[in-house]
Amino acid sequence: MLVLGPLAGVTAAYMNFSLGFFVGGQVLAGLLGSAVTAGYGRSGQHGANYIQTAAASVASMSGMAVLVQAMAWLGLPQPPAWQLVAYFACIGLFGVGVGMLYTPVLVDRLRLAYPSGLAVANILRALTDARLLRHSMTRLGGGAAAGLAVGLAASRFAWLGALEVSASTFGAGLIVGARIGIPAVVGGLIGWALQPSFVAIGWLQAGDPPRKIMFLLALGTIMGAAVVDLALVLRQALAAARAPAPAVQAPDWRRVDQRRLWAWVVAWGAATAATGHWLLQQPLPYLLVAIVLVFLFALVNGIAAGVSDSNPISSAFVVSVVVMAALGLAEPAVGLMAGAILLVSTSVACDMQQDRSTGWRLGTPRVLQFRYQVLGILVGAVLAVAFARLFMAAYPVLLQDQTLMRAGQQPPEWGSAMTYKFVGVLRSLTDDQPHQRRAIAIGIGIGFAIEVARKWLRSRSRYRQALATARGRRLDFVVDAVLLPSPYALSFGGFVNLPTALWLGGGGVVASLLQLRAPRRPDVPADMGGMSLLGGGLIAGDALAALGLGLAGLLATVF
C-alpha cells in the first residue's frame, strides 16, 4: 500500500493527465505483490491478493486527480487540501460498500469474466505454485514481454498511437473470446455507420467522433439489459422465498454480514453528503441525487467491466450531469462536485468487483480483502490531491483550459481527454441538450428488446436441442456474436473509438480460433487456459509500460 500503491498511483495520475485514461492497477499490483509473497508457496497467493487489493485501490483513487484539474480549467477556487481529501475519502469508502453489495449478483450469480480479475488470479496462482508456474511461464512471461514492448513503442512512435494500439485491450480480447469481442466491433461499426445520420439530425457536429453520442446509447443499452436480468434475479429470489429450500451454507471466505455492510453504506453515504454540503458548500439535493445514481451506475459499470474489462467512469460522470441538468442544475461548480461522487464511487466499486472476482477464483476471505481496500482508499485520497498539485505545479500547461483552445493550440503531450470531457459537459449546463436524454432512453429500449429476445430464444426447446449438433452450435455463435449479441458486449463499441473495439475483437477472434485446437489439461484450473495466460501477460506488460512512463514523468517533474 505504501510502496506499490504510490507506484501504481503516479502511473494512473500521469496517464490521466497525459492521455485521459489509465490502466487499472490490479494486474500490475498483483504481479509485484506475488513477487513479495512467492516464498510462502500456495498460501502466499492470498497475501499477494491483499497487497494488490490495497495497491490497486490507491491507484484507482490517484487517477481522480483530474477532478482538481477540472476545477482549474473552470476557474473555480480550490478548497483547502484537507477538505478535498476528506470529500474524496468519504466518496471512496461509500463506493467500496456499494461495490460489495453487488458482489453476490455480479460475481457469484452472473459469474462475469472480469478479465483483469482473471489475469490477476492466474498470475497469483502461477507465481505461488511451482506446478502451475512450469505450465504458465512461457505464455505469461511472453505476453508480459510483448505487452511491455508494445506499450513503450506506442508512446514513442506516432503511427502506433494513431492506430490506438493497445496490448491490454488485445489481451482482454484474448481472455473474453470472440462472443464478446465481435459484438464490441459490431457496436463500433454501428456508431461509425450512423455518424452521418447523427450529424444530419443535429446530435453531432461535423467532425465529431461517433462516441460523443454513442456512449449515451451504450449506457442506455446496458441499463435496458440489466432491467431484464435483475427482474429475473428478483423473480428467482421471490420464488425461493415462497418455497424455501434447505439452506446451503456459504463457504467461510464468502461470508459477509449484510447488516453491517448496509450500515457502512448508509453511514458513508451520509458522510459524503455532509462533507459536500458543510465543508464544500454544495447544495444538498444534487449531492443526494448523485448518491442515489451511484447505486445504478455501480451495477451498470460493473457489468460493463465484467464483460469487456472497460469501466466507463467518465460516461457515468457525464450522464449524471445530464440527469441533474434535467432537474434544474445550471452551476458548473455544483455539477463537478456532485459528479465527482459518481466518478470516484463507480471507479472504486468496479475496482472492488474486479478484486472480488480474483478472490472468488482463489477463495480469498472477502472481509479481509474489504479491509485492505479501505486502507488503500484512505491513502489514495491523500495522493489524489497531492499528485494533482505536484503535476500542475511542475507543468503549468495543465492549468490551461483546452476546451477554449483551437486545434493548433492543443498541447500534444498533455491531452487530458477525461478532463476535457468533464469540462465540456459542465460548460453545456447553460445550454440544455434534450437529445442526450433521448439517446439514453433509446438505448434503454434497445438493450431491453435485445435481452428479452435472447432470453426468449434460449428458452425454446427446439433451439436448445439444436445446440447438440455442430450446425446448431455454429448458428448459435452467429446469433450470439452478430445477430443478437449481448447488450453488455455490444455497448463496449459505443464507449471507445472504433480502433479500440477492433483490437478487442481481434483478440477475441484469435483466442477462439486457437482454442479450437488447444488440448485441455485436466491438472490446470479451467479458467487458466493458454489464451487467458497470454492475455493476462499482455495486460501486465502494458501496465508495466505505463508504470515506466509514469515514473519517467514524475522524475522529469522533480528534476
Protein backbone atom coordinates (compact mmCIF):
# COMPACT_ATOMS: atom_id res chain seq x y z
CA MET A 1 0.00 0.00 0.00
CA LEU A 2 2.84 2.38 0.86
CA VAL A 3 5.18 1.28 -1.96
CA LEU A 4 3.29 -0.47 -4.74
CA GLY A 5 0.25 1.79 -4.29
CA PRO A 6 2.10 5.07 -4.94
CA LEU A 7 3.90 3.47 -7.89
CA ALA A 8 0.60 2.50 -9.47
CA GLY A 9 -0.91 5.80 -8.33
CA VAL A 10 1.62 8.02 -10.07
CA THR A 11 1.08 5.90 -13.18
CA ALA A 12 -2.68 6.46 -13.06
CA ALA A 13 -2.30 10.20 -12.43
CA TYR A 14 0.26 10.64 -15.19
CA MET A 15 -1.82 8.68 -17.73
CA ASN A 16 -4.98 10.62 -16.90
CA PHE A 17 -3.20 13.96 -17.28
CA SER A 18 -1.41 12.96 -20.48
CA LEU A 19 -3.94 10.68 -22.20
CA GLY A 20 -7.25 10.82 -20.35
CA PHE A 21 -7.44 7.18 -19.26
CA PHE A 22 -5.34 4.88 -17.11
CA VAL A 23 -4.55 1.18 -16.98
CA GLY A 24 -6.14 -0.43 -13.93
CA GLY A 25 -3.72 -1.17 -11.10
CA GLN A 26 -4.90 -4.71 -10.32
CA VAL A 27 -2.64 -6.57 -12.72
CA LEU A 28 0.49 -4.56 -12.00
CA ALA A 29 -0.03 -4.74 -8.24
CA GLY A 30 -0.83 -8.46 -8.46
CA LEU A 31 2.36 -9.13 -10.40
CA LEU A 32 4.54 -7.21 -7.94
CA GLY A 33 2.62 -8.43 -4.89
CA SER A 34 3.09 -12.07 -5.83
CA ALA A 35 6.83 -11.43 -6.07
CA VAL A 36 6.71 -10.35 -2.41
CA THR A 37 4.81 -13.43 -1.20
CA ALA A 38 6.20 -16.07 -3.58
CA GLY A 39 8.28 -17.62 -0.79
CA TYR A 40 5.15 -18.65 1.10
CA GLY A 41 4.03 -21.10 -1.59
CA ARG A 42 0.35 -21.57 -2.45
CA SER A 43 -0.83 -19.94 0.78
CA GLY A 44 1.01 -16.78 -0.30
CA GLN A 45 -1.50 -16.12 -3.07
CA HIS A 46 -3.96 -14.70 -0.53
CA GLY A 47 -1.33 -12.34 0.87
CA ALA A 48 -0.49 -11.23 -2.65
CA ASN A 49 -4.19 -10.69 -3.28
CA TYR A 50 -4.42 -8.43 -0.23
CA ILE A 51 -1.40 -6.47 -1.46
CA GLN A 52 -2.84 -5.95 -4.94
CA THR A 53 -6.24 -5.04 -3.50
CA ALA A 54 -4.77 -2.23 -1.39
CA ALA A 55 -2.36 -1.02 -4.07
CA ALA A 56 -4.98 -1.06 -6.83
CA SER A 57 -7.29 1.00 -4.63
CA VAL A 58 -4.55 3.59 -4.19
CA ALA A 59 -4.14 3.72 -7.97
CA SER A 60 -7.86 4.00 -8.61
CA MET A 61 -8.15 6.97 -6.26
CA SER A 62 -4.95 8.64 -7.53
CA GLY A 63 -6.39 8.77 -11.04
CA MET A 64 -9.11 11.07 -9.70
CA ALA A 65 -6.55 13.89 -9.58
CA VAL A 66 -8.14 15.10 -12.82
CA LEU A 67 -11.05 16.46 -10.77
CA VAL A 68 -8.69 19.06 -9.32
CA GLN A 69 -7.50 19.87 -12.84
CA ALA A 70 -11.13 20.37 -13.92
CA MET A 71 -11.56 22.93 -11.13
CA ALA A 72 -8.59 24.84 -12.53
CA TRP A 73 -9.97 24.77 -16.08
CA LEU A 74 -13.31 26.10 -14.88
CA GLY A 75 -11.61 28.86 -12.88
CA LEU A 76 -13.08 27.62 -9.61
CA PRO A 77 -11.39 28.42 -6.29
CA GLN A 78 -9.78 25.28 -4.93
CA PRO A 79 -10.81 24.32 -1.39
CA PRO A 80 -8.12 23.56 1.19
CA ALA A 81 -6.38 20.26 0.53
CA TRP A 82 -7.71 18.61 3.69
CA GLN A 83 -11.30 19.31 2.66
CA LEU A 84 -10.79 17.70 -0.74
CA VAL A 85 -9.08 14.71 0.88
CA ALA A 86 -11.97 14.30 3.31
CA TYR A 87 -14.54 14.53 0.50
CA PHE A 88 -12.71 12.05 -1.76
CA ALA A 89 -12.17 9.64 1.14
CA CYS A 90 -15.87 9.65 2.11
CA ILE A 91 -16.92 9.03 -1.50
CA GLY A 92 -14.37 6.24 -1.87
CA LEU A 93 -15.46 4.48 1.31
CA PHE A 94 -19.09 4.77 0.20
CA GLY A 95 -18.17 3.27 -3.19
CA VAL A 96 -16.39 0.35 -1.53
CA GLY A 97 -19.57 -0.57 0.30
CA VAL A 98 -21.79 -0.29 -2.76
CA GLY A 99 -19.36 -2.42 -4.76
CA MET A 100 -19.50 -5.13 -2.09
CA LEU A 101 -23.32 -5.04 -2.13
CA TYR A 102 -23.35 -6.05 -5.80
CA THR A 103 -20.69 -8.75 -5.49
CA PRO A 104 -23.17 -11.62 -4.87
CA VAL A 105 -25.04 -10.71 -8.08
CA LEU A 106 -22.21 -9.84 -10.47
CA VAL A 107 -19.51 -12.23 -9.26
CA ASP A 108 -21.27 -15.15 -7.57
CA ARG A 109 -24.50 -15.38 -9.56
CA LEU A 110 -23.74 -13.96 -13.03
CA ARG A 111 -20.07 -15.05 -12.86
CA LEU A 112 -18.90 -12.35 -15.23
CA ALA A 113 -15.40 -12.76 -16.64
CA TYR A 114 -13.73 -9.58 -15.26
CA PRO A 115 -10.64 -10.05 -17.49
CA SER A 116 -8.27 -8.12 -15.22
CA GLY A 117 -9.53 -10.08 -12.21
CA LEU A 118 -8.92 -13.34 -14.07
CA ALA A 119 -5.48 -12.15 -15.16
CA VAL A 120 -4.55 -11.35 -11.55
CA ALA A 121 -5.84 -14.73 -10.35
CA ASN A 122 -3.75 -16.51 -12.97
CA ILE A 123 -0.65 -14.51 -12.07
CA LEU A 124 -1.06 -15.20 -8.35
CA ARG A 125 -1.71 -18.90 -8.91
CA ALA A 126 1.20 -19.25 -11.32
CA LEU A 127 3.80 -17.44 -9.23
CA THR A 128 2.92 -19.22 -5.97
CA ASP A 129 2.55 -22.79 -7.30
CA ALA A 130 5.61 -24.48 -8.83
CA ARG A 131 3.48 -26.89 -10.89
CA LEU A 132 1.38 -24.12 -12.42
CA LEU A 133 4.45 -21.95 -12.82
CA ARG A 134 6.06 -24.50 -15.13
CA HIS A 135 2.85 -24.67 -17.16
CA SER A 136 2.27 -20.94 -17.44
CA MET A 137 5.67 -19.25 -17.51
CA THR A 138 6.13 -19.29 -21.29
CA ARG A 139 2.76 -17.76 -22.13
CA LEU A 140 2.55 -15.44 -19.14
CA GLY A 141 6.16 -14.25 -19.46
CA GLY A 142 5.99 -13.97 -23.25
CA GLY A 143 2.77 -11.99 -23.06
CA ALA A 144 4.24 -9.65 -20.44
CA ALA A 145 7.33 -9.02 -22.58
CA ALA A 146 5.20 -8.34 -25.66
CA GLY A 147 2.85 -6.05 -23.71
CA LEU A 148 5.77 -4.09 -22.30
CA ALA A 149 7.34 -3.67 -25.74
CA VAL A 150 4.08 -2.60 -27.40
CA GLY A 151 3.19 -0.21 -24.56
CA LEU A 152 6.54 1.56 -24.75
CA ALA A 153 6.55 1.59 -28.56
CA ALA A 154 3.04 3.09 -28.73
CA SER A 155 4.22 6.07 -26.65
CA ARG A 156 7.25 6.60 -28.88
CA PHE A 157 6.01 6.09 -32.42
CA ALA A 158 3.22 8.39 -33.62
CA TRP A 159 1.90 5.93 -36.20
CA LEU A 160 1.27 3.33 -33.50
CA GLY A 161 -0.53 5.96 -31.45
CA ALA A 162 -2.65 6.85 -34.46
CA LEU A 163 -3.73 3.20 -34.73
CA GLU A 164 -4.59 3.28 -31.00
CA VAL A 165 -2.55 0.13 -30.49
CA SER A 166 -3.30 -1.33 -27.05
CA ALA A 167 -1.72 -4.53 -25.81
CA SER A 168 -4.03 -4.59 -22.79
CA THR A 169 -7.15 -4.27 -24.97
CA PHE A 170 -5.97 -7.08 -27.25
CA GLY A 171 -5.13 -9.10 -24.13
CA ALA A 172 -8.62 -8.53 -22.74
CA GLY A 173 -9.98 -9.82 -26.06
CA LEU A 174 -7.89 -12.99 -25.68
CA ILE A 175 -9.49 -13.53 -22.27
CA VAL A 176 -13.15 -12.85 -23.17
CA GLY A 177 -13.17 -14.56 -26.60
CA ALA A 178 -15.00 -13.92 -29.85
CA ARG A 179 -18.52 -13.97 -28.42
CA ILE A 180 -17.66 -10.77 -26.57
CA GLY A 181 -15.08 -9.31 -28.95
CA ILE A 182 -17.14 -9.48 -32.14
CA PRO A 183 -20.18 -7.69 -30.62
CA ALA A 184 -17.83 -4.90 -29.49
CA VAL A 185 -16.72 -4.49 -33.11
CA VAL A 186 -20.35 -4.55 -34.26
CA GLY A 187 -21.16 -1.75 -31.80
CA GLY A 188 -18.23 0.31 -33.07
CA LEU A 189 -19.23 -0.21 -36.70
CA ILE A 190 -22.82 0.81 -35.94
CA GLY A 191 -21.59 4.10 -34.50
CA TRP A 192 -19.30 4.68 -37.48
CA ALA A 193 -22.14 3.96 -39.94
CA LEU A 194 -24.63 6.20 -38.11
CA GLN A 195 -22.29 9.19 -37.78
CA PRO A 196 -23.68 10.99 -40.90
CA SER A 197 -27.23 10.47 -39.61
CA PHE A 198 -26.33 11.88 -36.21
CA VAL A 199 -24.85 14.94 -37.90
CA ALA A 200 -27.96 15.33 -40.05
CA ILE A 201 -30.34 15.39 -37.07
CA GLY A 202 -28.08 17.69 -35.05
CA TRP A 203 -26.91 15.18 -32.44
CA LEU A 204 -23.31 15.61 -33.64
CA GLN A 205 -21.38 18.37 -35.32
CA ALA A 206 -19.39 17.68 -38.47
CA GLY A 207 -16.07 16.16 -37.46
CA ASP A 208 -17.26 14.93 -34.05
CA PRO A 209 -16.31 11.32 -33.20
CA PRO A 210 -19.31 8.93 -33.11
CA ARG A 211 -18.70 8.01 -29.48
CA LYS A 212 -19.62 11.57 -28.46
CA ILE A 213 -23.25 10.42 -28.70
CA MET A 214 -22.81 6.64 -28.90
CA PHE A 215 -21.63 6.38 -25.31
CA LEU A 216 -25.05 7.62 -24.16
CA LEU A 217 -26.79 5.00 -26.30
CA ALA A 218 -24.36 2.39 -24.98
CA LEU A 219 -25.06 3.27 -21.36
CA GLY A 220 -28.78 3.04 -22.02
CA THR A 221 -28.28 -0.34 -23.69
CA ILE A 222 -26.62 -1.73 -20.57
CA MET A 223 -29.40 -0.30 -18.39
CA GLY A 224 -32.11 -1.91 -20.53
CA ALA A 225 -30.44 -5.32 -20.43
CA ALA A 226 -29.80 -5.00 -16.69
CA VAL A 227 -33.52 -4.40 -16.11
CA VAL A 228 -34.27 -7.81 -17.64
CA ASP A 229 -31.54 -9.66 -15.76
CA LEU A 230 -32.34 -8.06 -12.41
CA ALA A 231 -36.03 -8.83 -12.90
CA LEU A 232 -35.15 -12.50 -13.40
CA VAL A 233 -32.91 -12.48 -10.33
CA LEU A 234 -35.70 -10.89 -8.29
CA ARG A 235 -38.23 -13.44 -9.56
CA GLN A 236 -35.93 -16.31 -8.57
CA ALA A 237 -35.43 -14.76 -5.14
CA LEU A 238 -39.18 -14.40 -4.61
CA ALA A 239 -39.78 -17.98 -5.74
CA ALA A 240 -37.13 -19.20 -3.32
CA ALA A 241 -38.74 -17.19 -0.51
CA ARG A 242 -42.17 -18.73 -1.17
CA ALA A 243 -40.83 -22.29 -1.31
CA PRO A 244 -37.64 -22.23 0.73
CA ALA A 245 -35.19 -24.99 0.04
CA PRO A 246 -32.70 -26.30 2.59
CA ALA A 247 -30.24 -23.50 3.25
CA VAL A 248 -26.82 -24.00 1.71
CA GLN A 249 -24.05 -22.66 3.89
CA ALA A 250 -21.74 -20.33 2.03
CA PRO A 251 -18.04 -21.06 2.44
CA ASP A 252 -16.40 -19.13 5.26
CA TRP A 253 -14.35 -17.00 2.86
CA ARG A 254 -17.52 -15.70 1.17
CA ARG A 255 -19.45 -14.76 4.29
CA VAL A 256 -20.23 -11.06 4.78
CA ASP A 257 -22.51 -9.58 7.44
CA GLN A 258 -25.12 -7.83 5.28
CA ARG A 259 -26.49 -5.74 8.15
CA ARG A 260 -23.07 -4.30 8.92
CA LEU A 261 -22.44 -3.76 5.22
CA TRP A 262 -25.67 -1.79 4.80
CA ALA A 263 -24.81 0.23 7.90
CA TRP A 264 -21.42 1.01 6.30
CA VAL A 265 -23.07 2.16 3.05
CA VAL A 266 -25.62 4.36 4.83
CA ALA A 267 -23.01 5.88 7.15
CA TRP A 268 -20.54 6.80 4.41
CA GLY A 269 -23.30 7.95 2.08
CA ALA A 270 -24.39 10.35 4.83
CA ALA A 271 -20.76 11.38 5.40
CA THR A 272 -20.37 12.13 1.69
CA ALA A 273 -23.45 14.36 1.72
CA ALA A 274 -22.32 16.06 4.93
CA THR A 275 -18.79 16.85 3.76
CA GLY A 276 -20.04 18.04 0.38
CA HIS A 277 -22.66 20.30 1.94
CA TRP A 278 -20.93 21.69 5.04
CA LEU A 279 -17.27 21.64 4.02
CA LEU A 280 -17.58 22.43 0.31
CA GLN A 281 -20.84 24.43 0.46
CA GLN A 282 -22.63 22.40 -2.25
CA PRO A 283 -26.46 22.18 -2.48
CA LEU A 284 -27.65 19.07 -0.64
CA PRO A 285 -30.38 17.98 -3.15
CA TYR A 286 -27.90 17.45 -6.01
CA LEU A 287 -25.50 15.59 -3.73
CA LEU A 288 -28.32 13.25 -2.74
CA VAL A 289 -29.29 12.71 -6.39
CA ALA A 290 -25.68 11.77 -7.17
CA ILE A 291 -25.56 9.35 -4.23
CA VAL A 292 -28.73 7.61 -5.46
CA LEU A 293 -27.35 7.37 -9.00
CA VAL A 294 -24.29 5.54 -7.65
CA PHE A 295 -26.48 2.51 -6.92
CA LEU A 296 -27.45 2.41 -10.61
CA PHE A 297 -24.06 3.05 -12.17
CA ALA A 298 -22.12 0.77 -9.83
CA LEU A 299 -24.27 -2.00 -11.31
CA VAL A 300 -24.21 -0.80 -14.92
CA ASN A 301 -20.48 -0.08 -14.97
CA GLY A 302 -19.80 -3.27 -13.02
CA ILE A 303 -21.48 -5.32 -15.73
CA ALA A 304 -19.51 -3.46 -18.43
CA ALA A 305 -16.23 -4.11 -16.59
CA GLY A 306 -17.16 -7.73 -16.01
CA VAL A 307 -17.88 -8.36 -19.67
CA SER A 308 -15.28 -6.28 -21.51
CA ASP A 309 -12.81 -5.03 -18.82
CA SER A 310 -13.93 -1.47 -19.63
CA ASN A 311 -15.23 0.69 -16.79
CA PRO A 312 -16.80 3.81 -18.39
CA ILE A 313 -16.40 6.04 -15.33
CA SER A 314 -16.27 9.26 -17.34
CA SER A 315 -19.55 8.28 -19.01
CA ALA A 316 -21.15 7.86 -15.59
CA PHE A 317 -20.00 11.37 -14.72
CA VAL A 318 -21.40 12.83 -17.94
CA VAL A 319 -24.76 11.07 -17.66
CA SER A 320 -25.14 12.14 -14.03
CA VAL A 321 -24.61 15.77 -15.07
CA VAL A 322 -27.17 15.33 -17.87
CA VAL A 323 -29.69 13.93 -15.38
CA MET A 324 -29.08 16.74 -12.89
CA ALA A 325 -29.38 19.31 -15.69
CA ALA A 326 -32.83 17.92 -16.42
CA LEU A 327 -33.64 18.55 -12.73
CA GLY A 328 -32.59 22.20 -13.00
CA LEU A 329 -28.83 22.18 -12.39
CA ALA A 330 -27.16 25.20 -14.01
CA GLU A 331 -23.96 25.73 -11.98
CA PRO A 332 -20.80 24.01 -13.31
CA ALA A 333 -19.19 24.02 -9.85
CA VAL A 334 -22.12 22.09 -8.38
CA GLY A 335 -22.11 19.69 -11.30
CA LEU A 336 -18.40 19.00 -10.83
CA MET A 337 -18.65 18.28 -7.11
CA ALA A 338 -21.81 16.20 -7.42
CA GLY A 339 -20.49 14.38 -10.49
CA ALA A 340 -17.31 13.57 -8.55
CA ILE A 341 -19.45 11.29 -6.39
CA LEU A 342 -20.30 9.21 -9.47
CA LEU A 343 -16.77 9.28 -10.84
CA VAL A 344 -14.99 8.17 -7.67
CA SER A 345 -17.68 5.74 -6.49
CA THR A 346 -18.03 3.87 -9.78
CA SER A 347 -14.25 3.66 -10.14
CA VAL A 348 -13.87 2.23 -6.63
CA ALA A 349 -16.95 -0.02 -6.79
CA CYS A 350 -15.88 -1.66 -10.05
CA ASP A 351 -12.36 -1.99 -8.69
CA MET A 352 -13.93 -3.80 -5.72
CA GLN A 353 -15.81 -6.15 -8.05
CA GLN A 354 -12.64 -6.91 -10.06
CA ASP A 355 -10.86 -7.72 -6.80
CA ARG A 356 -13.73 -9.93 -5.64
CA SER A 357 -13.63 -11.86 -8.91
CA THR A 358 -9.96 -12.60 -8.18
CA GLY A 359 -10.84 -13.58 -4.63
CA TRP A 360 -13.68 -15.78 -5.87
CA ARG A 361 -11.23 -17.75 -8.03
CA LEU A 362 -8.70 -18.08 -5.20
CA GLY A 363 -11.04 -18.43 -2.21
CA THR A 364 -9.68 -15.28 -0.52
CA PRO A 365 -11.68 -14.15 2.56
CA ARG A 366 -13.83 -11.22 1.47
CA VAL A 367 -13.95 -9.40 4.79
CA LEU A 368 -10.15 -9.19 4.98
CA GLN A 369 -9.94 -8.12 1.35
CA PHE A 370 -12.54 -5.42 2.08
CA ARG A 371 -10.39 -4.05 4.91
CA TYR A 372 -7.31 -3.84 2.71
CA GLN A 373 -9.27 -1.94 0.11
CA VAL A 374 -10.46 0.52 2.74
CA LEU A 375 -6.83 1.21 3.72
CA GLY A 376 -5.96 1.74 0.06
CA ILE A 377 -8.80 4.23 -0.34
CA LEU A 378 -7.55 6.33 2.57
CA VAL A 379 -4.01 6.50 1.18
CA GLY A 380 -5.30 7.13 -2.36
CA ALA A 381 -7.49 10.05 -1.29
CA VAL A 382 -4.40 11.84 0.03
CA LEU A 383 -2.32 11.03 -3.06
CA ALA A 384 -5.06 12.16 -5.48
CA VAL A 385 -4.80 15.73 -4.18
CA ALA A 386 -1.01 15.54 -3.76
CA PHE A 387 -0.39 14.31 -7.31
CA ALA A 388 -2.75 16.93 -8.73
CA ARG A 389 -0.87 19.75 -7.01
CA LEU A 390 2.51 18.24 -7.92
CA PHE A 391 1.87 17.78 -11.63
CA MET A 392 0.07 21.10 -12.12
CA ALA A 393 2.86 22.98 -10.32
CA ALA A 394 5.52 21.31 -12.46
CA TYR A 395 3.59 21.62 -15.74
CA PRO A 396 1.61 24.92 -15.83
CA VAL A 397 0.20 23.88 -19.22
CA LEU A 398 -2.09 21.51 -17.29
CA LEU A 399 -3.85 24.58 -15.87
CA GLN A 400 -4.90 25.82 -19.32
CA ASP A 401 -8.49 25.11 -20.37
CA GLN A 402 -8.15 23.10 -23.58
CA THR A 403 -11.89 23.35 -24.29
CA LEU A 404 -11.28 27.01 -25.18
CA MET A 405 -8.23 26.33 -27.37
CA ARG A 406 -8.14 25.89 -31.12
CA ALA A 407 -6.80 22.70 -32.65
CA GLY A 408 -3.31 24.11 -33.26
CA GLN A 409 -3.04 25.33 -29.67
CA GLN A 410 -3.66 21.94 -28.01
CA PRO A 411 -0.58 20.64 -26.12
CA PRO A 412 0.12 17.28 -27.79
CA GLU A 413 1.87 15.73 -24.78
CA TRP A 414 -0.94 16.58 -22.32
CA GLY A 415 -4.20 15.54 -23.96
CA SER A 416 -6.17 15.27 -20.66
CA ALA A 417 -9.10 13.74 -22.54
CA MET A 418 -11.04 12.86 -19.39
CA THR A 419 -10.80 16.41 -18.04
CA TYR A 420 -11.77 17.73 -21.48
CA LYS A 421 -14.93 15.63 -21.41
CA PHE A 422 -15.86 16.74 -17.89
CA VAL A 423 -15.37 20.45 -18.52
CA GLY A 424 -17.13 20.21 -21.88
CA VAL A 425 -20.30 18.76 -20.41
CA LEU A 426 -20.20 21.15 -17.44
CA ARG A 427 -19.98 24.16 -19.76
CA SER A 428 -23.07 22.87 -21.58
CA LEU A 429 -25.19 23.30 -18.44
CA THR A 430 -26.16 26.76 -19.64
CA ASP A 431 -27.39 25.19 -22.90
CA ASP A 432 -29.84 22.33 -22.30
CA GLN A 433 -29.43 19.47 -24.78
CA PRO A 434 -32.53 17.22 -24.59
CA HIS A 435 -31.21 14.93 -27.35
CA GLN A 436 -28.77 13.48 -24.80
CA ARG A 437 -31.66 12.26 -22.66
CA ARG A 438 -33.41 10.89 -25.75
CA ALA A 439 -30.28 8.94 -26.68
CA ILE A 440 -30.21 7.30 -23.23
CA ALA A 441 -33.92 6.41 -23.49
CA ILE A 442 -33.47 4.89 -26.96
CA GLY A 443 -30.52 2.86 -25.68
CA ILE A 444 -32.61 1.52 -22.79
CA GLY A 445 -35.27 0.36 -25.24
CA ILE A 446 -32.70 -1.32 -27.50
CA GLY A 447 -30.97 -3.12 -24.63
CA PHE A 448 -34.27 -4.28 -23.16
CA ALA A 449 -35.53 -5.60 -26.50
CA ILE A 450 -32.31 -7.46 -27.33
CA GLU A 451 -32.04 -9.09 -23.92
CA VAL A 452 -35.70 -10.19 -23.96
CA ALA A 453 -35.21 -11.69 -27.43
CA ARG A 454 -32.06 -13.52 -26.29
CA LYS A 455 -33.79 -14.95 -23.24
CA TRP A 456 -36.86 -15.99 -25.25
CA LEU A 457 -34.78 -17.71 -27.94
CA ARG A 458 -32.78 -19.71 -25.43
CA SER A 459 -35.92 -20.80 -23.64
CA ARG A 460 -37.23 -22.59 -26.81
CA SER A 461 -36.81 -26.35 -26.60
CA ARG A 462 -36.09 -26.69 -30.34
CA TYR A 463 -33.28 -24.18 -30.09
CA ARG A 464 -31.75 -25.97 -27.11
CA GLN A 465 -31.96 -29.27 -28.98
CA ALA A 466 -30.20 -27.74 -31.98
CA LEU A 467 -27.23 -26.84 -29.76
CA ALA A 468 -26.40 -30.54 -29.53
CA THR A 469 -25.41 -30.54 -33.24
CA ALA A 470 -22.37 -28.93 -34.88
CA ARG A 471 -24.62 -26.94 -37.21
CA GLY A 472 -26.67 -25.69 -34.27
CA ARG A 473 -23.58 -24.57 -32.39
CA ARG A 474 -22.39 -22.63 -35.43
CA LEU A 475 -25.82 -20.99 -35.70
CA ASP A 476 -25.72 -20.15 -32.00
CA PHE A 477 -22.33 -18.47 -32.45
CA VAL A 478 -23.66 -16.27 -35.27
CA VAL A 479 -26.73 -15.35 -33.20
CA ASP A 480 -24.69 -14.68 -30.06
CA ALA A 481 -21.94 -12.69 -31.77
CA VAL A 482 -23.71 -10.81 -34.59
CA LEU A 483 -27.49 -11.14 -34.86
CA LEU A 484 -28.48 -10.86 -31.17
CA PRO A 485 -25.24 -10.00 -29.37
CA SER A 486 -25.09 -9.44 -25.66
CA PRO A 487 -26.04 -5.79 -25.00
CA TYR A 488 -23.23 -5.63 -22.45
CA ALA A 489 -20.64 -6.61 -25.07
CA LEU A 490 -22.28 -4.55 -27.81
CA SER A 491 -22.09 -1.41 -25.67
CA PHE A 492 -18.29 -1.52 -25.50
CA GLY A 493 -18.12 -0.33 -29.11
CA GLY A 494 -20.02 2.80 -28.11
CA PHE A 495 -17.66 3.76 -25.29
CA VAL A 496 -14.44 3.72 -27.33
CA ASN A 497 -13.13 4.71 -30.72
CA LEU A 498 -13.50 2.12 -33.47
CA PRO A 499 -9.79 1.07 -33.47
CA THR A 500 -10.02 0.15 -29.78
CA ALA A 501 -13.09 -2.01 -30.43
CA LEU A 502 -11.24 -3.65 -33.32
CA TRP A 503 -8.31 -4.54 -31.04
CA LEU A 504 -10.65 -6.16 -28.51
CA GLY A 505 -12.49 -8.00 -31.26
CA GLY A 506 -9.24 -9.10 -32.87
CA GLY A 507 -8.05 -10.59 -29.60
CA GLY A 508 -11.35 -12.39 -29.14
CA VAL A 509 -11.27 -13.91 -32.63
CA VAL A 510 -7.63 -15.02 -32.28
CA ALA A 511 -8.37 -16.64 -28.92
CA SER A 512 -11.42 -18.53 -30.18
CA LEU A 513 -9.60 -19.81 -33.27
CA LEU A 514 -6.60 -21.04 -31.30
CA GLN A 515 -8.74 -22.64 -28.60
CA LEU A 516 -10.45 -24.85 -31.18
CA ARG A 517 -7.28 -26.97 -31.37
CA ALA A 518 -5.83 -26.39 -27.93
CA PRO A 519 -5.75 -29.57 -25.80
CA ARG A 520 -7.41 -29.36 -22.39
CA ARG A 521 -5.14 -30.17 -19.43
CA PRO A 522 -7.06 -31.73 -16.51
CA ASP A 523 -4.40 -30.71 -13.96
CA VAL A 524 -4.82 -26.98 -14.66
CA PRO A 525 -7.75 -24.78 -13.46
CA ALA A 526 -10.46 -24.43 -16.11
CA ASP A 527 -10.06 -20.65 -16.34
CA MET A 528 -6.27 -20.85 -16.65
CA GLY A 529 -6.02 -21.75 -20.31
CA GLY A 530 -3.29 -20.64 -22.65
CA MET A 531 -5.21 -17.66 -24.03
CA SER A 532 -6.10 -16.29 -20.60
CA LEU A 533 -2.45 -16.56 -19.57
CA LEU A 534 -1.24 -14.83 -22.72
CA GLY A 535 -3.92 -12.14 -22.38
CA GLY A 536 -3.06 -11.60 -18.72
CA GLY A 537 0.59 -11.29 -19.65
CA LEU A 538 -0.21 -8.64 -22.26
CA ILE A 539 -2.25 -6.66 -19.72
CA ALA A 540 0.57 -6.98 -17.17
CA GLY A 541 3.20 -5.86 -19.68
CA ASP A 542 1.11 -2.87 -20.73
CA ALA A 543 0.71 -1.95 -17.07
CA LEU A 544 4.48 -2.16 -16.57
CA ALA A 545 4.96 0.13 -19.57
CA ALA A 546 2.51 2.59 -18.03
CA LEU A 547 4.43 2.39 -14.76
CA GLY A 548 7.64 3.21 -16.59
CA LEU A 549 6.07 6.17 -18.31
CA GLY A 550 4.56 7.38 -15.05
CA LEU A 551 7.85 7.17 -13.18
CA ALA A 552 9.64 8.92 -16.04
CA GLY A 553 7.07 11.71 -15.90
CA LEU A 554 7.47 12.01 -12.13
CA LEU A 555 11.28 12.11 -12.31
CA ALA A 556 11.09 14.74 -15.02
CA THR A 557 8.80 16.74 -12.73
CA VAL A 558 11.15 16.53 -9.75
CA PHE A 559 14.46 17.04 -11.56
